[in-house]
Amino acid sequence: MRAKSSIVVGCGASAALLVAAAVAGCGPYAPVSPSNNPEAMPDDAVVNVGPGKALPEQDKKWGDLTKEQKYEFMQSDVMPAMSLLFSTYDNDHYGKMTCETCHGENPKQREWAMPSPSLPKLDPSNHFQAWQEKSPKAVKFMAVDVTPAMARLLSVPTFDPKTGQGFGCMSCHTKK
């Protein structure tokens, strides 16, 4: 069994310690610092979101889980972690996240398929230059906070442009 999934949101000195621990490969924690709204939490705050339930076995990948296991894991681990990240970034817009926030309208009928046609369509050319110019804070938040946290939760690598493999922007968004 793998350790329980947790996302740690940290500010100040605690975040530096968590980054060092994560880089060293210690524990199940992924350091995540709110990239757009650091004032939302006091200095040195550490909030352990979860812990929820672990994926059934360490050698099981997301694609190997049953629909029931995926749904349970999304409810117990992913929703609490992503709700905290998104509400810290923009509570007015993301203060009440639901499954539909990411999966779009009628997620059950679509069998929770991702990427979601309801999310903004992205043009990946020139490293998403159009989006970086239009919404630099959102791009930074997604790249620095959301993508690594989600990859960590799903126990998959982040996107590697050299191989074209891993969890990245196009795992959730469709191409423009």
Protein backbone atom coordinates (compact mmCIF):
# COMPACT_ATOMS: atom_id res chain seq x y z
CA MET A 1 0.00 0.00 0.00
CA ARG A 2 1.17 3.51 -0.71
CA ALA A 3 1.03 6.16 1.95
CA LYS A 4 -2.13 8.21 2.19
CA SER A 5 -2.32 11.09 -0.25
CA SER A 6 -2.04 14.55 1.14
CA ILE A 7 -1.42 17.95 -0.29
CA VAL A 8 0.28 20.39 1.98
CA VAL A 9 -0.27 24.06 1.43
CA GLY A 10 2.44 26.05 3.11
CA CYS A 11 3.65 29.61 3.42
CA GLY A 12 6.85 31.02 4.80
CA ALA A 13 9.56 28.87 6.31
CA SER A 14 7.37 25.78 6.47
CA ALA A 15 7.06 25.72 2.70
CA ALA A 16 10.84 25.72 2.33
CA LEU A 17 11.10 22.69 4.60
CA LEU A 18 8.36 20.91 2.69
CA VAL A 19 10.03 21.63 -0.62
CA ALA A 20 13.28 20.22 0.71
CA ALA A 21 11.50 17.10 1.94
CA ALA A 22 9.69 16.62 -1.35
CA VAL A 23 12.84 17.07 -3.39
CA ALA A 24 14.55 14.53 -1.18
CA GLY A 25 11.65 12.16 -1.86
CA CYS A 26 10.37 12.00 1.71
CA GLY A 27 6.75 11.24 2.38
CA PRO A 28 3.56 11.56 0.38
CA TYR A 29 3.41 15.34 0.58
CA ALA A 30 3.50 17.66 -2.39
CA PRO A 31 4.33 21.23 -1.44
CA VAL A 32 1.91 23.67 -2.92
CA SER A 33 2.02 27.38 -2.29
CA PRO A 34 -0.78 29.63 -3.47
CA SER A 35 0.81 31.46 -6.38
CA ASN A 36 -1.70 34.25 -6.63
CA ASN A 37 -2.89 34.92 -3.09
CA PRO A 38 -0.21 34.27 -0.46
CA GLU A 39 -2.00 36.58 1.99
CA ALA A 40 -4.87 34.10 2.18
CA MET A 41 -3.00 32.13 4.84
CA PRO A 42 -0.87 33.24 7.78
CA ASP A 43 2.91 32.90 7.64
CA ASP A 44 4.17 29.42 8.43
CA ALA A 45 0.69 27.92 8.09
CA VAL A 46 0.54 24.30 7.06
CA VAL A 47 -2.80 22.81 6.20
CA ASN A 48 -2.96 19.11 5.61
CA VAL A 49 -5.79 18.48 3.17
CA GLY A 50 -7.08 14.95 3.30
CA PRO A 51 -5.67 12.59 4.18
CA GLY A 52 -8.48 10.69 2.54
CA LYS A 53 -7.90 7.19 1.29
CA ALA A 54 -4.89 5.98 -0.60
CA LEU A 55 -5.03 4.37 -3.99
CA PRO A 56 -5.66 0.69 -3.30
CA GLU A 57 -2.12 -0.47 -4.11
CA GLN A 58 1.08 1.35 -4.94
CA ASP A 59 1.57 -0.53 -8.20
CA LYS A 60 -1.91 0.41 -9.41
CA LYS A 61 -2.04 3.40 -11.69
CA TRP A 62 -5.03 5.67 -12.17
CA GLY A 63 -5.96 3.83 -15.37
CA ASP A 64 -6.01 0.50 -13.51
CA LEU A 65 -8.60 1.59 -10.95
CA THR A 66 -12.25 0.64 -11.22
CA LYS A 67 -14.81 3.42 -11.75
CA GLU A 68 -15.90 3.03 -8.14
CA GLN A 69 -12.32 3.37 -6.85
CA LYS A 70 -11.74 6.45 -9.00
CA TYR A 71 -14.95 8.10 -7.82
CA GLU A 72 -14.15 7.39 -4.16
CA PHE A 73 -10.61 8.74 -4.54
CA MET A 74 -11.83 11.87 -6.31
CA GLN A 75 -14.26 12.53 -3.45
CA SER A 76 -11.90 11.73 -0.58
CA ASP A 77 -8.62 13.23 -1.85
CA VAL A 78 -8.86 15.20 -5.07
CA MET A 79 -11.87 17.41 -4.32
CA PRO A 80 -10.63 18.59 -0.90
CA ALA A 81 -7.14 19.36 -2.22
CA MET A 82 -8.26 21.07 -5.42
CA SER A 83 -11.03 22.98 -3.63
CA LEU A 84 -8.46 24.44 -1.26
CA LEU A 85 -6.06 25.34 -4.06
CA PHE A 86 -8.68 26.94 -6.27
CA SER A 87 -10.49 28.79 -3.48
CA THR A 88 -7.16 30.17 -2.26
CA TYR A 89 -6.44 31.37 -5.77
CA ASP A 90 -9.89 32.95 -6.37
CA ASN A 91 -12.51 32.33 -3.72
CA ASP A 92 -15.14 34.45 -5.48
CA HIS A 93 -15.00 32.22 -8.54
CA TYR A 94 -13.99 28.86 -7.03
CA GLY A 95 -15.34 29.05 -3.48
CA LYS A 96 -17.95 26.40 -4.22
CA MET A 97 -16.28 23.84 -6.44
CA THR A 98 -18.26 20.85 -7.62
CA CYS A 99 -17.44 17.95 -9.90
CA GLU A 100 -18.80 20.06 -12.75
CA THR A 101 -16.15 22.75 -12.16
CA CYS A 102 -13.58 20.54 -13.84
CA HIS A 103 -15.58 17.79 -15.53
CA GLY A 104 -18.16 20.11 -17.09
CA GLU A 105 -21.87 19.72 -17.56
CA ASN A 106 -23.40 16.27 -17.26
CA PRO A 107 -20.23 14.52 -16.07
CA LYS A 108 -22.04 11.26 -15.30
CA GLN A 109 -23.44 11.03 -18.83
CA ARG A 110 -19.93 11.71 -20.16
CA GLU A 111 -18.58 9.05 -17.77
CA TRP A 112 -16.36 11.69 -16.10
CA ALA A 113 -14.24 11.86 -19.23
CA MET A 114 -11.30 14.22 -19.33
CA PRO A 115 -10.24 16.43 -20.99
CA SER A 116 -13.41 18.44 -20.54
CA PRO A 117 -14.96 20.38 -23.41
CA SER A 118 -16.42 22.78 -20.81
CA LEU A 119 -13.02 24.13 -19.73
CA PRO A 120 -11.33 26.87 -21.75
CA LYS A 121 -9.81 25.55 -24.95
CA LEU A 122 -6.04 26.05 -25.07
CA ASP A 123 -3.61 26.64 -27.89
CA PRO A 124 -0.37 24.93 -26.83
CA SER A 125 1.72 26.61 -29.52
CA ASN A 126 4.67 28.68 -28.33
CA HIS A 127 4.29 27.34 -24.78
CA PHE A 128 0.71 28.57 -24.51
CA GLN A 129 1.82 32.11 -25.36
CA ALA A 130 -1.70 33.40 -26.05
CA TRP A 131 -2.90 32.29 -22.61
CA GLN A 132 0.24 33.58 -20.92
CA GLU A 133 -0.41 37.01 -22.40
CA LYS A 134 -4.13 36.95 -21.62
CA SER A 135 -4.02 35.46 -18.09
CA PRO A 136 -0.47 35.29 -16.72
CA LYS A 137 -1.59 34.77 -13.12
CA ALA A 138 -3.92 31.93 -14.09
CA VAL A 139 -1.23 30.26 -16.20
CA LYS A 140 1.25 30.50 -13.34
CA PHE A 141 -1.30 29.11 -10.88
CA MET A 142 -2.11 26.18 -13.14
CA ALA A 143 1.54 25.43 -13.91
CA VAL A 144 3.01 25.94 -10.44
CA ASP A 145 0.18 24.74 -8.20
CA VAL A 146 -2.56 22.76 -9.94
CA THR A 147 -0.68 20.58 -12.41
CA PRO A 148 1.97 19.24 -10.01
CA ALA A 149 -0.60 18.73 -7.22
CA MET A 150 -2.98 16.85 -9.49
CA ALA A 151 -0.18 14.71 -10.92
CA ARG A 152 0.95 13.91 -7.39
CA LEU A 153 -2.57 12.99 -6.32
CA LEU A 154 -2.97 10.68 -9.31
CA SER A 155 0.51 9.20 -8.84
CA VAL A 156 1.48 10.07 -12.40
CA PRO A 157 4.42 12.10 -13.69
CA THR A 158 3.94 15.68 -14.76
CA PHE A 159 4.04 16.40 -18.48
CA ASP A 160 7.43 16.04 -20.12
CA PRO A 161 7.65 18.00 -23.40
CA LYS A 162 10.48 15.75 -24.61
CA THR A 163 8.36 12.61 -24.44
CA GLY A 164 4.90 14.16 -24.76
CA GLN A 165 3.84 12.02 -21.78
CA GLY A 166 2.51 12.85 -18.32
CA PHE A 167 -0.13 14.99 -16.66
CA GLY A 168 -0.31 18.52 -18.06
CA CYS A 169 -2.59 21.21 -19.41
CA MET A 170 -4.11 19.01 -22.07
CA SER A 171 -5.06 16.38 -19.49
CA CYS A 172 -7.96 18.65 -18.49
CA HIS A 173 -8.32 21.17 -21.33
CA THR A 174 -9.12 20.51 -24.95
CA LYS A 175 -7.07 21.95 -27.79
CA LYS A 176 -8.16 25.16 -29.50
